[in-house]
Amino acid sequence: MILQKRSDLIFILATLAQIAYTFEQKILIKSSGLRRRATFKILSDNSRMAVKDQISRMLTKIIVVVEAYPELKTKQTTIL
């Protein structure tokens, strides 16, 4: 029972990690493309500002989440 519960939790954690990875990868790819566009010398000042605004809006989607993990304690049994 406990092993099944632990297995289920590991699966859920792996799924959440994959979702977070996919999200961050999309943001990185989009922001890299926008930054590359912003450095083109042929862009007008207005176009460059528009691209920089898009970059700013995109980067605000990245949210830093700090999780408080519970302190895990084990019960030690000493066999003499």
Protein backbone atom coordinates (compact mmCIF):
# COMPACT_ATOMS: atom_id res chain seq x y z
CA MET A 1 0.00 0.00 0.00
CA ILE A 2 2.69 2.46 1.00
CA LEU A 3 4.90 1.46 -1.94
CA GLN A 4 2.00 1.97 -4.35
CA LYS A 5 1.30 5.40 -2.89
CA ARG A 6 4.98 6.32 -3.18
CA SER A 7 5.04 5.06 -6.77
CA ASP A 8 1.99 7.17 -7.62
CA LEU A 9 3.58 10.26 -6.08
CA ILE A 10 6.80 9.75 -8.02
CA PHE A 11 4.81 9.47 -11.25
CA ILE A 12 2.93 12.70 -10.46
CA LEU A 13 6.19 14.48 -9.63
CA ALA A 14 7.78 13.31 -12.89
CA THR A 15 4.74 14.51 -14.84
CA LEU A 16 4.86 17.94 -13.19
CA ALA A 17 8.58 18.22 -13.89
CA GLN A 18 7.97 17.43 -17.58
CA ILE A 19 5.23 20.08 -17.79
CA ALA A 20 7.51 22.69 -16.19
CA TYR A 21 10.37 21.73 -18.52
CA THR A 22 8.16 22.07 -21.61
CA PHE A 23 6.86 25.46 -20.47
CA GLU A 24 10.33 26.83 -19.76
CA GLN A 25 11.67 25.46 -23.03
CA LYS A 26 8.95 27.26 -25.01
CA ILE A 27 9.66 30.53 -23.18
CA LEU A 28 13.40 30.17 -23.79
CA ILE A 29 12.96 29.50 -27.51
CA LYS A 30 10.53 32.40 -27.98
CA SER A 31 12.60 34.86 -25.95
CA SER A 32 15.80 33.87 -27.79
CA GLY A 33 14.10 34.48 -31.12
CA LEU A 34 12.82 37.85 -29.98
CA ARG A 35 16.23 38.88 -28.66
CA ARG A 36 17.81 37.89 -31.97
CA ARG A 37 15.23 40.03 -33.80
CA ALA A 38 15.91 42.94 -31.45
CA THR A 39 19.60 42.97 -32.39
CA PHE A 40 19.00 43.26 -36.15
CA LYS A 41 20.54 46.47 -37.38
CA ILE A 42 17.85 46.97 -40.02
CA LEU A 43 15.06 47.37 -37.47
CA SER A 44 13.69 50.82 -36.90
CA ASP A 45 13.67 52.21 -33.38
CA ASN A 46 9.91 51.68 -33.11
CA SER A 47 10.20 48.06 -34.22
CA ARG A 48 13.08 47.45 -31.83
CA MET A 49 11.06 48.90 -28.93
CA ALA A 50 8.08 46.72 -29.88
CA VAL A 51 10.28 43.61 -29.83
CA LYS A 52 11.77 44.62 -26.47
CA ASP A 53 8.24 45.06 -25.08
CA GLN A 54 7.36 41.56 -26.31
CA ILE A 55 10.46 40.21 -24.58
CA SER A 56 9.51 41.92 -21.33
CA ARG A 57 5.96 40.54 -21.48
CA MET A 58 7.22 37.06 -22.24
CA LEU A 59 9.74 37.01 -19.43
CA THR A 60 7.08 38.03 -16.90
CA LYS A 61 5.46 34.65 -17.57
CA ILE A 62 8.36 32.96 -15.86
CA ILE A 63 7.39 32.58 -12.26
CA VAL A 64 9.82 31.45 -9.65
CA VAL A 65 8.18 29.00 -7.34
CA VAL A 66 9.86 28.07 -4.14
CA GLU A 67 8.49 24.98 -2.54
CA ALA A 68 8.85 24.22 1.09
CA TYR A 69 9.63 20.55 1.29
CA PRO A 70 8.62 18.87 4.51
CA GLU A 71 11.36 17.75 6.79
CA LEU A 72 11.56 14.01 6.44
CA LYS A 73 12.48 12.08 9.52
CA THR A 74 13.16 8.40 9.75
CA LYS A 75 12.56 6.23 12.69
CA GLN A 76 15.77 4.48 13.58
CA THR A 77 15.56 1.12 15.20
CA THR A 78 18.71 -0.19 16.76
CA ILE A 79 19.13 -3.93 16.90
CA LEU A 80 21.60 -5.07 19.52
